[in-house]
């Protein structure tokens, strides 16, 4: 069982920045072999992918955040990050860390991001 703990959410004005962090339990070997991602879920909406990073550090973003969000990982610390710039009110959501390895998938409890206009 992998535990994921997100941090770094909060209230920010439109145009501001936040950096989310996700700490993963388990061995470095297991973490480095896990694909990691950030999802978000806004009130009344489905959970959506906002960034992903593979085991070889390839990244992917939807158009809605491309150029504003950056995902990164530090395998030596079992950490994954989401740097968010130029935040917009529509970025308001609970952000979840996700890990996938083999046939298993794990989720954190989420961290809330609120962007005021």
C-alpha atoms as a PDB file:
ATOM      1  CA  UNK A   1       0.000   0.000   0.000  1.00  0.00           C
ATOM      2  CA  UNK A   2       1.310   3.425  -0.993  1.00  0.00           C
ATOM      3  CA  UNK A   3       0.290   6.519   0.896  1.00  0.00           C
ATOM      4  CA  UNK A   4       0.298   9.859  -0.854  1.00  0.00           C
ATOM      5  CA  UNK A   5       0.153  13.094   1.113  1.00  0.00           C
ATOM      6  CA  UNK A   6      -0.424  16.368  -0.693  1.00  0.00           C
ATOM      7  CA  UNK A   7       0.422  19.797   0.639  1.00  0.00           C
ATOM      8  CA  UNK A   8       0.759  23.350  -0.573  1.00  0.00           C
ATOM      9  CA  UNK A   9      -2.802  24.262  -1.409  1.00  0.00           C
ATOM     10  CA  UNK A  10      -4.404  27.465  -0.298  1.00  0.00           C
ATOM     11  CA  UNK A  11      -6.029  30.709  -1.329  1.00  0.00           C
ATOM     12  CA  UNK A  12      -4.357  32.794  -4.003  1.00  0.00           C
ATOM     13  CA  UNK A  13      -5.382  35.713  -6.170  1.00  0.00           C
ATOM     14  CA  UNK A  14      -5.787  35.343  -9.890  1.00  0.00           C
ATOM     15  CA  UNK A  15      -2.417  35.624 -11.582  1.00  0.00           C
ATOM     16  CA  UNK A  16      -0.636  34.199  -8.573  1.00  0.00           C
ATOM     17  CA  UNK A  17       1.384  31.039  -8.135  1.00  0.00           C
ATOM     18  CA  UNK A  18       1.346  27.971  -5.932  1.00  0.00           C
ATOM     19  CA  UNK A  19       3.507  24.918  -5.616  1.00  0.00           C
ATOM     20  CA  UNK A  20       1.889  21.674  -4.608  1.00  0.00           C
ATOM     21  CA  UNK A  21       3.876  18.812  -3.164  1.00  0.00           C
ATOM     22  CA  UNK A  22       3.108  15.128  -2.856  1.00  0.00           C
ATOM     23  CA  UNK A  23       5.049  12.837  -0.566  1.00  0.00           C
ATOM     24  CA  UNK A  24       4.862   9.128  -1.291  1.00  0.00           C
ATOM     25  CA  UNK A  25       5.523   6.330   1.154  1.00  0.00           C
ATOM     26  CA  UNK A  26       7.401   3.217   0.205  1.00  0.00           C
ATOM     27  CA  UNK A  27      10.790   2.499  -1.216  1.00  0.00           C
ATOM     28  CA  UNK A  28      12.661   4.697  -3.671  1.00  0.00           C
ATOM     29  CA  UNK A  29      12.691   1.799  -6.079  1.00  0.00           C
ATOM     30  CA  UNK A  30       8.907   1.543  -6.013  1.00  0.00           C
ATOM     31  CA  UNK A  31       8.492   5.290  -6.348  1.00  0.00           C
ATOM     32  CA  UNK A  32      10.914   5.603  -9.247  1.00  0.00           C
ATOM     33  CA  UNK A  33       9.010   2.866 -11.055  1.00  0.00           C
ATOM     34  CA  UNK A  34       5.660   4.634 -10.565  1.00  0.00           C
ATOM     35  CA  UNK A  35       4.010   6.935 -13.029  1.00  0.00           C
ATOM     36  CA  UNK A  36       2.838  10.006 -11.150  1.00  0.00           C
ATOM     37  CA  UNK A  37       0.134  12.512 -11.897  1.00  0.00           C
ATOM     38  CA  UNK A  38      -1.924  15.365 -10.541  1.00  0.00           C
ATOM     39  CA  UNK A  39      -5.667  15.494 -10.986  1.00  0.00           C
ATOM     40  CA  UNK A  40      -8.206  18.032  -9.857  1.00  0.00           C
ATOM     41  CA  UNK A  41     -11.877  18.085  -9.143  1.00  0.00           C
ATOM     42  CA  UNK A  42     -13.904  21.244  -9.064  1.00  0.00           C
ATOM     43  CA  UNK A  43     -17.312  21.394  -7.358  1.00  0.00           C
ATOM     44  CA  UNK A  44     -19.914  19.677  -9.483  1.00  0.00           C
ATOM     45  CA  UNK A  45     -17.379  18.499 -12.032  1.00  0.00           C
ATOM     46  CA  UNK A  46     -15.598  15.269 -12.804  1.00  0.00           C
ATOM     47  CA  UNK A  47     -12.042  14.681 -11.749  1.00  0.00           C
ATOM     48  CA  UNK A  48      -9.648  15.636 -14.528  1.00  0.00           C
ATOM     49  CA  UNK A  49      -5.988  15.126 -15.259  1.00  0.00           C
ATOM     50  CA  UNK A  50      -3.857  18.253 -15.047  1.00  0.00           C
ATOM     51  CA  UNK A  51      -0.352  16.836 -15.340  1.00  0.00           C
ATOM     52  CA  UNK A  52       1.461  13.540 -15.551  1.00  0.00           C
ATOM     53  CA  UNK A  53       5.067  12.419 -15.440  1.00  0.00           C
ATOM     54  CA  UNK A  54       6.352   9.022 -16.406  1.00  0.00           C
ATOM     55  CA  UNK A  55       9.160   7.001 -14.911  1.00  0.00           C
ATOM     56  CA  UNK A  56      11.504   8.447 -17.531  1.00  0.00           C
ATOM     57  CA  UNK A  57      10.379  11.998 -16.747  1.00  0.00           C
ATOM     58  CA  UNK A  58       8.208  12.527 -19.793  1.00  0.00           C
ATOM     59  CA  UNK A  59       5.425  14.986 -19.019  1.00  0.00           C
ATOM     60  CA  UNK A  60       1.977  15.628 -20.370  1.00  0.00           C
ATOM     61  CA  UNK A  61      -0.533  18.425 -19.829  1.00  0.00           C
ATOM     62  CA  UNK A  62      -4.005  19.232 -21.109  1.00  0.00           C
ATOM     63  CA  UNK A  63      -4.399  22.422 -23.095  1.00  0.00           C
ATOM     64  CA  UNK A  64      -6.138  24.117 -20.162  1.00  0.00           C
ATOM     65  CA  UNK A  65      -2.934  24.234 -18.097  1.00  0.00           C
ATOM     66  CA  UNK A  66      -0.181  23.764 -20.672  1.00  0.00           C
ATOM     67  CA  UNK A  67       2.381  26.517 -20.292  1.00  0.00           C
ATOM     68  CA  UNK A  68       1.149  27.457 -16.814  1.00  0.00           C
ATOM     69  CA  UNK A  69       1.657  24.240 -14.820  1.00  0.00           C
ATOM     70  CA  UNK A  70       4.832  22.187 -14.480  1.00  0.00           C
ATOM     71  CA  UNK A  71       5.054  18.730 -12.948  1.00  0.00           C
ATOM     72  CA  UNK A  72       8.329  17.396 -11.634  1.00  0.00           C
ATOM     73  CA  UNK A  73       9.568  14.571  -9.476  1.00  0.00           C
ATOM     74  CA  UNK A  74      12.505  13.903  -7.199  1.00  0.00           C
ATOM     75  CA  UNK A  75      12.927  10.168  -6.934  1.00  0.00           C
ATOM     76  CA  UNK A  76      15.574  10.451  -4.229  1.00  0.00           C
ATOM     77  CA  UNK A  77      12.954  12.005  -1.951  1.00  0.00           C
ATOM     78  CA  UNK A  78       9.828  10.175  -3.133  1.00  0.00           C
ATOM     79  CA  UNK A  79       8.328  13.538  -4.041  1.00  0.00           C
ATOM     80  CA  UNK A  80       6.331  14.908  -6.915  1.00  0.00           C
ATOM     81  CA  UNK A  81       5.509  18.569  -7.383  1.00  0.00           C
ATOM     82  CA  UNK A  82       3.111  20.731  -9.318  1.00  0.00           C
ATOM     83  CA  UNK A  83       4.240  24.289  -9.908  1.00  0.00           C
ATOM     84  CA  UNK A  84       1.317  26.441 -10.957  1.00  0.00           C
ATOM     85  CA  UNK A  85       1.697  29.900 -12.454  1.00  0.00           C
ATOM     86  CA  UNK A  86      -0.819  32.482 -13.658  1.00  0.00           C
ATOM     87  CA  UNK A  87      -3.605  30.854 -11.728  1.00  0.00           C
ATOM     88  CA  UNK A  88      -7.158  31.525 -12.827  1.00  0.00           C
ATOM     89  CA  UNK A  89     -10.444  31.262 -10.937  1.00  0.00           C
ATOM     90  CA  UNK A  90     -11.271  28.201 -13.043  1.00  0.00           C
ATOM     91  CA  UNK A  91      -8.261  26.449 -11.520  1.00  0.00           C
ATOM     92  CA  UNK A  92     -10.127  26.356  -8.226  1.00  0.00           C
ATOM     93  CA  UNK A  93     -10.454  22.698  -7.214  1.00  0.00           C
ATOM     94  CA  UNK A  94      -9.213  19.994  -4.928  1.00  0.00           C
ATOM     95  CA  UNK A  95      -5.943  18.692  -6.340  1.00  0.00           C
ATOM     96  CA  UNK A  96      -5.081  15.027  -5.963  1.00  0.00           C
ATOM     97  CA  UNK A  97      -1.808  13.205  -6.305  1.00  0.00           C
ATOM     98  CA  UNK A  98      -1.941   9.900  -8.177  1.00  0.00           C
ATOM     99  CA  UNK A  99       0.513   7.049  -8.463  1.00  0.00           C
ATOM    100  CA  UNK A 100       0.371   4.066 -10.777  1.00  0.00           C
ATOM    101  CA  UNK A 101       2.656   1.075 -10.739  1.00  0.00           C
ATOM    102  CA  UNK A 102       1.941  -2.233 -12.389  1.00  0.00           C
ATOM    103  CA  UNK A 103      -1.814  -2.753 -11.998  1.00  0.00           C
ATOM    104  CA  UNK A 104      -2.129  -0.670  -8.844  1.00  0.00           C
ATOM    105  CA  UNK A 105      -3.302   2.898  -8.520  1.00  0.00           C
ATOM    106  CA  UNK A 106      -3.151   5.107  -5.454  1.00  0.00           C
ATOM    107  CA  UNK A 107      -4.662   8.456  -4.537  1.00  0.00           C
ATOM    108  CA  UNK A 108      -3.950  11.058  -1.938  1.00  0.00           C
ATOM    109  CA  UNK A 109      -6.584  12.853   0.108  1.00  0.00           C
ATOM    110  CA  UNK A 110      -6.239  16.046  -1.886  1.00  0.00           C
ATOM    111  CA  UNK A 111      -5.301  19.627  -1.209  1.00  0.00           C
ATOM    112  CA  UNK A 112      -7.647  22.510  -1.919  1.00  0.00           C
ATOM    113  CA  UNK A 113      -6.682  25.351  -4.199  1.00  0.00           C
ATOM    114  CA  UNK A 114      -8.882  28.424  -4.327  1.00  0.00           C
ATOM    115  CA  UNK A 115      -8.178  31.199  -6.811  1.00  0.00           C
ATOM    116  CA  UNK A 116      -9.979  34.458  -6.199  1.00  0.00           C
ATOM    117  CA  UNK A 117     -10.751  36.896  -8.976  1.00  0.00           C
END
